[in-house]
């Protein structure tokens, strides 16, 4: 759920294709969705470069009039509802990095050499 201090990141596997009438097909590793909201293609085109995980929701809508602010928030909610946004914490590590805090490596070969590499 997006809140004002959320830092949305458009997932790197997301591709947006306008499908006419202002609607878009959104393709990702999760499949293809049609988002049928009037004018969303234009808004996504404008907004996507800013969904790079460096701005909070407040920063994205700051300075916009109420009408535009409402539209941007609606687009963000639609993207989030379709699972197309990742959340970057404004403070702390990237959640994807935290998920892999400890990695294991399998070394194959001569025990004398692999033991030295493991240390």
C-alpha atoms as a PDB file:
ATOM      1  CA  UNK A   1       0.000   0.000   0.000  1.00  0.00           C
ATOM      2  CA  UNK A   2       1.385   3.362  -0.991  1.00  0.00           C
ATOM      3  CA  UNK A   3       1.605   6.119   1.581  1.00  0.00           C
ATOM      4  CA  UNK A   4       3.026   9.623   1.344  1.00  0.00           C
ATOM      5  CA  UNK A   5       6.551   8.562   2.325  1.00  0.00           C
ATOM      6  CA  UNK A   6       6.574   5.460   0.092  1.00  0.00           C
ATOM      7  CA  UNK A   7       9.343   5.432  -2.503  1.00  0.00           C
ATOM      8  CA  UNK A   8       7.838   3.687  -5.556  1.00  0.00           C
ATOM      9  CA  UNK A   9      10.038   1.955  -8.092  1.00  0.00           C
ATOM     10  CA  UNK A  10       8.607   0.729 -11.377  1.00  0.00           C
ATOM     11  CA  UNK A  11       9.741  -2.878 -11.591  1.00  0.00           C
ATOM     12  CA  UNK A  12      12.513  -3.338 -14.186  1.00  0.00           C
ATOM     13  CA  UNK A  13      10.583  -6.056 -16.049  1.00  0.00           C
ATOM     14  CA  UNK A  14       7.607  -3.786 -16.813  1.00  0.00           C
ATOM     15  CA  UNK A  15       6.861  -2.702 -20.375  1.00  0.00           C
ATOM     16  CA  UNK A  16       3.963  -0.417 -21.210  1.00  0.00           C
ATOM     17  CA  UNK A  17       2.302  -0.548 -24.626  1.00  0.00           C
ATOM     18  CA  UNK A  18      -0.496   1.902 -25.504  1.00  0.00           C
ATOM     19  CA  UNK A  19      -3.504  -0.005 -26.799  1.00  0.00           C
ATOM     20  CA  UNK A  20      -5.702   2.824 -28.064  1.00  0.00           C
ATOM     21  CA  UNK A  21      -8.323   4.918 -26.369  1.00  0.00           C
ATOM     22  CA  UNK A  22      -5.851   5.930 -23.692  1.00  0.00           C
ATOM     23  CA  UNK A  23      -5.645   2.402 -22.275  1.00  0.00           C
ATOM     24  CA  UNK A  24      -2.434   0.419 -21.955  1.00  0.00           C
ATOM     25  CA  UNK A  25      -1.248  -3.157 -21.971  1.00  0.00           C
ATOM     26  CA  UNK A  26       1.307  -3.647 -19.245  1.00  0.00           C
ATOM     27  CA  UNK A  27       3.631  -6.590 -19.727  1.00  0.00           C
ATOM     28  CA  UNK A  28       5.861  -8.017 -17.029  1.00  0.00           C
ATOM     29  CA  UNK A  29       7.192 -11.339 -15.827  1.00  0.00           C
ATOM     30  CA  UNK A  30       3.824 -11.756 -14.102  1.00  0.00           C
ATOM     31  CA  UNK A  31       1.913 -11.623 -17.386  1.00  0.00           C
ATOM     32  CA  UNK A  32      -0.030  -9.025 -19.317  1.00  0.00           C
ATOM     33  CA  UNK A  33      -2.664  -6.706 -17.859  1.00  0.00           C
ATOM     34  CA  UNK A  34      -4.925  -4.210 -19.558  1.00  0.00           C
ATOM     35  CA  UNK A  35      -5.327  -1.038 -17.559  1.00  0.00           C
ATOM     36  CA  UNK A  36      -8.398   0.677 -18.926  1.00  0.00           C
ATOM     37  CA  UNK A  37      -8.411   4.148 -17.455  1.00  0.00           C
ATOM     38  CA  UNK A  38      -8.980   7.149 -19.713  1.00  0.00           C
ATOM     39  CA  UNK A  39      -5.715   8.908 -20.497  1.00  0.00           C
ATOM     40  CA  UNK A  40      -3.536   6.532 -18.491  1.00  0.00           C
ATOM     41  CA  UNK A  41      -1.166   5.959 -21.418  1.00  0.00           C
ATOM     42  CA  UNK A  42      -0.134   9.614 -21.438  1.00  0.00           C
ATOM     43  CA  UNK A  43       0.194   9.778 -17.664  1.00  0.00           C
ATOM     44  CA  UNK A  44       2.288   6.605 -17.523  1.00  0.00           C
ATOM     45  CA  UNK A  45       4.552   7.936 -20.253  1.00  0.00           C
ATOM     46  CA  UNK A  46       5.145  11.113 -18.240  1.00  0.00           C
ATOM     47  CA  UNK A  47       5.381   9.451 -14.833  1.00  0.00           C
ATOM     48  CA  UNK A  48       7.487   6.337 -15.569  1.00  0.00           C
ATOM     49  CA  UNK A  49      10.896   8.108 -15.682  1.00  0.00           C
ATOM     50  CA  UNK A  50      10.262   9.414 -12.161  1.00  0.00           C
ATOM     51  CA  UNK A  51       9.398   5.979 -10.722  1.00  0.00           C
ATOM     52  CA  UNK A  52      13.072   5.155 -10.272  1.00  0.00           C
ATOM     53  CA  UNK A  53      13.059   4.608  -6.520  1.00  0.00           C
ATOM     54  CA  UNK A  54      14.574   7.993  -5.683  1.00  0.00           C
ATOM     55  CA  UNK A  55      11.421  10.011  -4.932  1.00  0.00           C
ATOM     56  CA  UNK A  56       8.689   9.667  -2.341  1.00  0.00           C
ATOM     57  CA  UNK A  57       5.031   9.870  -3.292  1.00  0.00           C
ATOM     58  CA  UNK A  58       4.962  13.328  -1.679  1.00  0.00           C
ATOM     59  CA  UNK A  59       7.838  14.445  -3.905  1.00  0.00           C
ATOM     60  CA  UNK A  60       6.106  13.067  -7.002  1.00  0.00           C
ATOM     61  CA  UNK A  61       2.911  15.020  -6.367  1.00  0.00           C
ATOM     62  CA  UNK A  62       4.443  18.080  -4.710  1.00  0.00           C
ATOM     63  CA  UNK A  63       3.650  21.260  -6.584  1.00  0.00           C
ATOM     64  CA  UNK A  64       0.791  19.722  -8.586  1.00  0.00           C
ATOM     65  CA  UNK A  65      -2.689  21.207  -8.491  1.00  0.00           C
ATOM     66  CA  UNK A  66      -5.424  19.076  -6.876  1.00  0.00           C
ATOM     67  CA  UNK A  67      -6.691  17.652 -10.176  1.00  0.00           C
ATOM     68  CA  UNK A  68      -3.271  16.481 -11.367  1.00  0.00           C
ATOM     69  CA  UNK A  69      -2.335  15.296  -7.896  1.00  0.00           C
ATOM     70  CA  UNK A  70      -5.440  13.073  -7.805  1.00  0.00           C
ATOM     71  CA  UNK A  71      -4.622  11.626 -11.234  1.00  0.00           C
ATOM     72  CA  UNK A  72      -1.006  10.820 -10.328  1.00  0.00           C
ATOM     73  CA  UNK A  73      -2.121   9.176  -7.082  1.00  0.00           C
ATOM     74  CA  UNK A  74      -4.707   7.140  -8.998  1.00  0.00           C
ATOM     75  CA  UNK A  75      -2.089   5.983 -11.524  1.00  0.00           C
ATOM     76  CA  UNK A  76       0.261   5.010  -8.687  1.00  0.00           C
ATOM     77  CA  UNK A  77      -2.529   3.058  -6.965  1.00  0.00           C
ATOM     78  CA  UNK A  78      -3.369   1.245 -10.217  1.00  0.00           C
ATOM     79  CA  UNK A  79       0.261   0.292 -10.791  1.00  0.00           C
ATOM     80  CA  UNK A  80       0.557  -0.877  -7.198  1.00  0.00           C
ATOM     81  CA  UNK A  81      -2.686  -2.880  -7.403  1.00  0.00           C
ATOM     82  CA  UNK A  82      -1.344  -4.684 -10.487  1.00  0.00           C
ATOM     83  CA  UNK A  83       1.912  -5.503  -8.651  1.00  0.00           C
ATOM     84  CA  UNK A  84       4.035  -3.354 -10.954  1.00  0.00           C
ATOM     85  CA  UNK A  85       5.756  -1.261  -8.292  1.00  0.00           C
ATOM     86  CA  UNK A  86       8.426  -2.212  -5.796  1.00  0.00           C
ATOM     87  CA  UNK A  87       8.796  -0.234  -2.600  1.00  0.00           C
ATOM     88  CA  UNK A  88      12.147   1.349  -1.849  1.00  0.00           C
ATOM     89  CA  UNK A  89      12.556   2.357   1.747  1.00  0.00           C
ATOM     90  CA  UNK A  90      13.374   6.034   2.124  1.00  0.00           C
ATOM     91  CA  UNK A  91      15.817   4.960   4.800  1.00  0.00           C
ATOM     92  CA  UNK A  92      17.619   1.696   5.152  1.00  0.00           C
ATOM     93  CA  UNK A  93      18.777  -0.947   2.696  1.00  0.00           C
ATOM     94  CA  UNK A  94      17.107  -1.972  -0.526  1.00  0.00           C
ATOM     95  CA  UNK A  95      14.565  -4.664   0.492  1.00  0.00           C
ATOM     96  CA  UNK A  96      15.804  -6.942  -2.288  1.00  0.00           C
ATOM     97  CA  UNK A  97      19.322  -6.800  -0.868  1.00  0.00           C
ATOM     98  CA  UNK A  98      18.022  -7.460   2.639  1.00  0.00           C
ATOM     99  CA  UNK A  99      16.273 -10.587   1.352  1.00  0.00           C
ATOM    100  CA  UNK A 100      19.687 -11.986   0.401  1.00  0.00           C
ATOM    101  CA  UNK A 101      21.603 -11.009   3.502  1.00  0.00           C
ATOM    102  CA  UNK A 102      23.641 -14.179   3.435  1.00  0.00           C
ATOM    103  CA  UNK A 103      24.515 -15.945   0.229  1.00  0.00           C
ATOM    104  CA  UNK A 104      26.037 -19.369  -0.115  1.00  0.00           C
ATOM    105  CA  UNK A 105      28.516 -20.327  -2.789  1.00  0.00           C
ATOM    106  CA  UNK A 106      29.309 -23.854  -3.898  1.00  0.00           C
ATOM    107  CA  UNK A 107      32.945 -24.298  -4.869  1.00  0.00           C
ATOM    108  CA  UNK A 108      33.909 -27.358  -6.857  1.00  0.00           C
ATOM    109  CA  UNK A 109      37.439 -28.526  -7.448  1.00  0.00           C
ATOM    110  CA  UNK A 110      40.552 -29.597  -5.667  1.00  0.00           C
ATOM    111  CA  UNK A 111      39.907 -29.395  -1.883  1.00  0.00           C
ATOM    112  CA  UNK A 112      43.255 -27.696  -1.321  1.00  0.00           C
ATOM    113  CA  UNK A 113      42.328 -24.790  -3.608  1.00  0.00           C
ATOM    114  CA  UNK A 114      38.633 -24.515  -2.781  1.00  0.00           C
ATOM    115  CA  UNK A 115      39.332 -24.369   0.970  1.00  0.00           C
ATOM    116  CA  UNK A 116      41.610 -21.358   0.432  1.00  0.00           C
ATOM    117  CA  UNK A 117      38.980 -19.616  -1.717  1.00  0.00           C
ATOM    118  CA  UNK A 118      36.248 -20.249   0.851  1.00  0.00           C
ATOM    119  CA  UNK A 119      38.251 -18.468   3.529  1.00  0.00           C
END
